[in-house]
Amino acid sequence: MDKRVEPSRTQLQFELRCGGLHVIIHRVPVWLITLVTTATGTGAAWWTSR
């Protein structure tokens, strides 16, 4: 008897549907997280020093 196991679907991290545009991100890259946190920290430091 042949038992086939369905491949498990990976959980989506981000999905954007806007008209004809459909963007799916399965895994967020580390460099993107680093870039966003650095920009946020720099922006917050600049904003509070004003």
N, C-alpha and C. Protein backbone atom coordinates (compact mmCIF):
# COMPACT_ATOMS: atom_id res chain seq x y z
N MET A 1 0.85 -1.16 0.00
CA MET A 1 0.00 0.00 0.00
C MET A 1 0.90 1.24 0.00
N ASP A 2 0.57 2.18 -0.84
CA ASP A 2 1.38 3.39 -0.98
C ASP A 2 0.72 4.53 -0.19
N LYS A 3 1.41 4.98 0.84
CA LYS A 3 0.90 6.10 1.63
C LYS A 3 1.70 7.34 1.27
N ARG A 4 1.03 8.29 0.73
CA ARG A 4 1.70 9.55 0.38
C ARG A 4 1.38 10.60 1.42
N VAL A 5 2.42 11.22 1.87
CA VAL A 5 2.26 12.27 2.87
C VAL A 5 2.27 13.61 2.14
N GLU A 6 1.25 14.38 2.40
CA GLU A 6 1.18 15.70 1.79
C GLU A 6 2.30 16.57 2.37
N PRO A 7 2.99 17.28 1.51
CA PRO A 7 4.03 18.17 2.03
C PRO A 7 3.39 19.25 2.89
N SER A 8 3.97 19.49 4.04
CA SER A 8 3.39 20.48 4.94
C SER A 8 3.57 21.87 4.34
N ARG A 9 2.53 22.63 4.37
CA ARG A 9 2.60 23.99 3.84
C ARG A 9 3.30 24.88 4.86
N THR A 10 4.24 25.64 4.39
CA THR A 10 4.95 26.53 5.30
C THR A 10 4.05 27.70 5.66
N GLN A 11 4.20 28.15 6.87
CA GLN A 11 3.41 29.28 7.36
C GLN A 11 3.92 30.56 6.71
N LEU A 12 3.00 31.35 6.21
CA LEU A 12 3.37 32.61 5.58
C LEU A 12 3.67 33.65 6.64
N GLN A 13 4.74 34.40 6.45
CA GLN A 13 5.08 35.49 7.36
C GLN A 13 4.36 36.77 6.96
N PHE A 14 4.21 36.96 5.63
CA PHE A 14 3.59 38.19 5.14
C PHE A 14 2.95 37.92 3.79
N GLU A 15 1.75 38.42 3.60
CA GLU A 15 1.07 38.29 2.32
C GLU A 15 0.36 39.60 2.01
N LEU A 16 0.61 40.13 0.81
CA LEU A 16 0.01 41.39 0.38
C LEU A 16 -0.67 41.17 -0.95
N ARG A 17 -1.96 41.48 -1.00
CA ARG A 17 -2.72 41.41 -2.25
C ARG A 17 -3.33 42.78 -2.49
N CYS A 18 -2.92 43.38 -3.60
CA CYS A 18 -3.41 44.71 -3.94
C CYS A 18 -3.63 44.75 -5.44
N GLY A 19 -4.86 44.56 -5.89
CA GLY A 19 -5.16 44.52 -7.31
C GLY A 19 -4.45 43.35 -7.97
N GLY A 20 -3.62 43.64 -8.96
CA GLY A 20 -2.87 42.60 -9.65
C GLY A 20 -1.59 42.23 -8.95
N LEU A 21 -1.19 42.98 -7.93
CA LEU A 21 0.05 42.72 -7.19
C LEU A 21 -0.20 41.69 -6.09
N HIS A 22 0.61 40.66 -6.06
CA HIS A 22 0.49 39.62 -5.04
C HIS A 22 1.89 39.28 -4.53
N VAL A 23 2.19 39.68 -3.31
CA VAL A 23 3.51 39.47 -2.73
C VAL A 23 3.38 38.52 -1.55
N ILE A 24 4.19 37.47 -1.53
CA ILE A 24 4.20 36.51 -0.43
C ILE A 24 5.63 36.38 0.07
N ILE A 25 5.82 36.49 1.38
CA ILE A 25 7.13 36.28 1.99
C ILE A 25 7.00 35.10 2.93
N HIS A 26 7.76 34.05 2.67
CA HIS A 26 7.72 32.86 3.51
C HIS A 26 8.67 32.99 4.70
N ARG A 27 9.81 33.62 4.49
CA ARG A 27 10.79 33.76 5.55
C ARG A 27 11.40 35.14 5.44
N VAL A 28 11.37 35.91 6.53
CA VAL A 28 11.91 37.26 6.53
C VAL A 28 13.43 37.16 6.67
N PRO A 29 14.18 37.78 5.75
CA PRO A 29 15.64 37.70 5.83
C PRO A 29 16.18 38.47 7.03
N VAL A 30 17.26 37.96 7.58
CA VAL A 30 17.88 38.58 8.76
C VAL A 30 18.35 39.99 8.44
N TRP A 31 18.90 40.19 7.25
CA TRP A 31 19.41 41.52 6.88
C TRP A 31 18.29 42.55 6.86
N LEU A 32 17.08 42.15 6.52
CA LEU A 32 15.96 43.08 6.49
C LEU A 32 15.55 43.47 7.91
N ILE A 33 15.52 42.52 8.81
CA ILE A 33 15.21 42.82 10.22
C ILE A 33 16.25 43.76 10.80
N THR A 34 17.53 43.50 10.50
CA THR A 34 18.62 44.34 10.99
C THR A 34 18.49 45.76 10.44
N LEU A 35 18.19 45.89 9.17
CA LEU A 35 18.04 47.20 8.54
C LEU A 35 16.89 47.99 9.16
N VAL A 36 15.76 47.33 9.35
CA VAL A 36 14.59 48.02 9.92
C VAL A 36 14.84 48.45 11.35
N THR A 37 15.43 47.59 12.17
CA THR A 37 15.68 47.96 13.57
C THR A 37 16.73 49.06 13.68
N THR A 38 17.74 49.03 12.82
CA THR A 38 18.76 50.08 12.83
C THR A 38 18.15 51.41 12.42
N ALA A 39 17.35 51.40 11.36
CA ALA A 39 16.71 52.63 10.90
C ALA A 39 15.74 53.18 11.95
N THR A 40 15.02 52.29 12.61
CA THR A 40 14.07 52.72 13.65
C THR A 40 14.81 53.35 14.83
N GLY A 41 15.88 52.71 15.26
CA GLY A 41 16.68 53.24 16.38
C GLY A 41 17.32 54.57 16.04
N THR A 42 17.85 54.68 14.82
CA THR A 42 18.47 55.93 14.40
C THR A 42 17.42 57.04 14.29
N GLY A 43 16.28 56.71 13.73
CA GLY A 43 15.20 57.70 13.62
C GLY A 43 14.69 58.14 14.98
N ALA A 44 14.58 57.22 15.91
CA ALA A 44 14.11 57.55 17.26
C ALA A 44 15.13 58.43 17.98
N ALA A 45 16.41 58.11 17.82
CA ALA A 45 17.46 58.92 18.45
C ALA A 45 17.47 60.33 17.86
N TRP A 46 17.31 60.43 16.54
CA TRP A 46 17.28 61.74 15.91
C TRP A 46 16.06 62.54 16.37
N TRP A 47 14.91 61.87 16.44
CA TRP A 47 13.66 62.55 16.81
C TRP A 47 13.72 63.06 18.25
N THR A 48 14.27 62.27 19.16
CA THR A 48 14.30 62.68 20.57
C THR A 48 15.39 63.70 20.85
N SER A 49 16.39 63.82 19.97
CA SER A 49 17.46 64.79 20.21
C SER A 49 17.10 66.18 19.67
N ARG A 50 15.98 66.30 19.01
CA ARG A 50 15.60 67.59 18.42
C ARG A 50 15.20 68.59 19.46
